[in-house]
Amino acid sequence: MATKALLERITSDPRVLAGQPVLRGTRLSVAYILRLLASGATVEEILQEYEGLTPEDIQACLLFAAETRE
């Protein structure tokens, strides 16, 4: 999937989680997904826990983190 299409899965809205970047249509922040991965959760475990998420959503979180790193 193209970079632009992946990044379009991430949105920020001041009315949702105080404007933190979240996966579009959810209240799951990019930071939360990254913390799950950092704590050892696998992509499969995250997908099982949060129905409706896709592998591309997880990939979008990783890409967003890489693209916004200073």
C-alpha atoms as a PDB file:
ATOM      1  CA  MET A   1       0.000   0.000   0.000  1.00  0.00           C
ATOM      2  CA  ALA A   2       1.296   3.461  -0.867  1.00  0.00           C
ATOM      3  CA  THR A   3       2.651   5.732   1.837  1.00  0.00           C
ATOM      4  CA  LYS A   4      -0.005   8.385   1.255  1.00  0.00           C
ATOM      5  CA  ALA A   5      -2.841   5.862   1.509  1.00  0.00           C
ATOM      6  CA  LEU A   6      -1.429   4.493   4.751  1.00  0.00           C
ATOM      7  CA  LEU A   7      -1.017   7.933   6.295  1.00  0.00           C
ATOM      8  CA  GLU A   8      -4.613   8.797   5.394  1.00  0.00           C
ATOM      9  CA  ARG A   9      -5.634   6.189   7.980  1.00  0.00           C
ATOM     10  CA  ILE A  10      -4.308   8.506  10.697  1.00  0.00           C
ATOM     11  CA  THR A  11      -6.293  11.569  11.739  1.00  0.00           C
ATOM     12  CA  SER A  12      -6.210  14.252  14.410  1.00  0.00           C
ATOM     13  CA  ASP A  13      -9.300  15.981  15.722  1.00  0.00           C
ATOM     14  CA  PRO A  14      -9.241  18.245  18.779  1.00  0.00           C
ATOM     15  CA  ARG A  15     -12.553  16.669  19.843  1.00  0.00           C
ATOM     16  CA  VAL A  16     -11.072  13.149  19.897  1.00  0.00           C
ATOM     17  CA  LEU A  17      -8.442  12.305  22.520  1.00  0.00           C
ATOM     18  CA  ALA A  18      -7.438  15.973  22.762  1.00  0.00           C
ATOM     19  CA  GLY A  19      -6.171  15.965  19.189  1.00  0.00           C
ATOM     20  CA  GLN A  20      -3.805  13.009  19.502  1.00  0.00           C
ATOM     21  CA  PRO A  21      -3.224  11.147  16.227  1.00  0.00           C
ATOM     22  CA  VAL A  22      -5.658   8.235  16.061  1.00  0.00           C
ATOM     23  CA  LEU A  23      -6.632   5.561  13.601  1.00  0.00           C
ATOM     24  CA  ARG A  24      -9.463   6.988  11.521  1.00  0.00           C
ATOM     25  CA  GLY A  25     -12.876   6.016  12.845  1.00  0.00           C
ATOM     26  CA  THR A  26     -11.528   4.845  16.205  1.00  0.00           C
ATOM     27  CA  ARG A  27     -10.359   6.227  19.526  1.00  0.00           C
ATOM     28  CA  LEU A  28      -7.188   4.153  19.326  1.00  0.00           C
ATOM     29  CA  SER A  29      -4.214   6.464  19.343  1.00  0.00           C
ATOM     30  CA  VAL A  30      -1.084   5.840  17.347  1.00  0.00           C
ATOM     31  CA  ALA A  31       0.870   6.042  20.608  1.00  0.00           C
ATOM     32  CA  TYR A  32      -1.301   3.334  22.180  1.00  0.00           C
ATOM     33  CA  ILE A  33      -0.769   0.949  19.271  1.00  0.00           C
ATOM     34  CA  LEU A  34       2.977   1.622  19.363  1.00  0.00           C
ATOM     35  CA  ARG A  35       3.062   0.953  23.119  1.00  0.00           C
ATOM     36  CA  LEU A  36       1.282  -2.357  22.582  1.00  0.00           C
ATOM     37  CA  LEU A  37       3.876  -3.369  19.996  1.00  0.00           C
ATOM     38  CA  ALA A  38       6.747  -2.157  22.191  1.00  0.00           C
ATOM     39  CA  SER A  39       5.447  -4.195  25.120  1.00  0.00           C
ATOM     40  CA  GLY A  40       5.577  -7.348  23.036  1.00  0.00           C
ATOM     41  CA  ALA A  41       2.081  -7.654  21.600  1.00  0.00           C
ATOM     42  CA  THR A  42       2.056  -9.111  18.122  1.00  0.00           C
ATOM     43  CA  VAL A  43       0.114  -7.643  15.225  1.00  0.00           C
ATOM     44  CA  GLU A  44      -2.112 -10.728  15.320  1.00  0.00           C
ATOM     45  CA  GLU A  45      -2.876 -10.219  19.024  1.00  0.00           C
ATOM     46  CA  ILE A  46      -3.785  -6.575  18.461  1.00  0.00           C
ATOM     47  CA  LEU A  47      -6.024  -7.464  15.531  1.00  0.00           C
ATOM     48  CA  GLN A  48      -7.795 -10.113  17.609  1.00  0.00           C
ATOM     49  CA  GLU A  49      -8.321  -7.697  20.497  1.00  0.00           C
ATOM     50  CA  TYR A  50      -9.622  -4.819  18.373  1.00  0.00           C
ATOM     51  CA  GLU A  51     -12.065  -6.076  15.769  1.00  0.00           C
ATOM     52  CA  GLY A  52     -12.173  -3.943  12.685  1.00  0.00           C
ATOM     53  CA  LEU A  53      -8.472  -3.094  12.708  1.00  0.00           C
ATOM     54  CA  THR A  54      -6.431  -4.324   9.786  1.00  0.00           C
ATOM     55  CA  PRO A  55      -2.744  -5.080   9.337  1.00  0.00           C
ATOM     56  CA  GLU A  56      -2.599  -1.889   7.273  1.00  0.00           C
ATOM     57  CA  ASP A  57      -3.788   0.104  10.298  1.00  0.00           C
ATOM     58  CA  ILE A  58      -0.836  -1.182  12.321  1.00  0.00           C
ATOM     59  CA  GLN A  59       1.485  -0.479   9.413  1.00  0.00           C
ATOM     60  CA  ALA A  60       0.062   3.059   9.214  1.00  0.00           C
ATOM     61  CA  CYS A  61       0.888   3.639  12.892  1.00  0.00           C
ATOM     62  CA  LEU A  62       4.470   2.533  12.347  1.00  0.00           C
ATOM     63  CA  LEU A  63       4.830   4.671   9.247  1.00  0.00           C
ATOM     64  CA  PHE A  64       3.305   7.679  10.980  1.00  0.00           C
ATOM     65  CA  ALA A  65       5.794   7.329  13.830  1.00  0.00           C
ATOM     66  CA  ALA A  66       8.693   7.082  11.397  1.00  0.00           C
ATOM     67  CA  GLU A  67       7.502  10.029   9.309  1.00  0.00           C
ATOM     68  CA  THR A  68       6.923  12.346  12.275  1.00  0.00           C
ATOM     69  CA  ARG A  69      10.138  11.535  14.112  1.00  0.00           C
ATOM     70  CA  GLU A  70      12.338  14.558  14.416  1.00  0.00           C
END
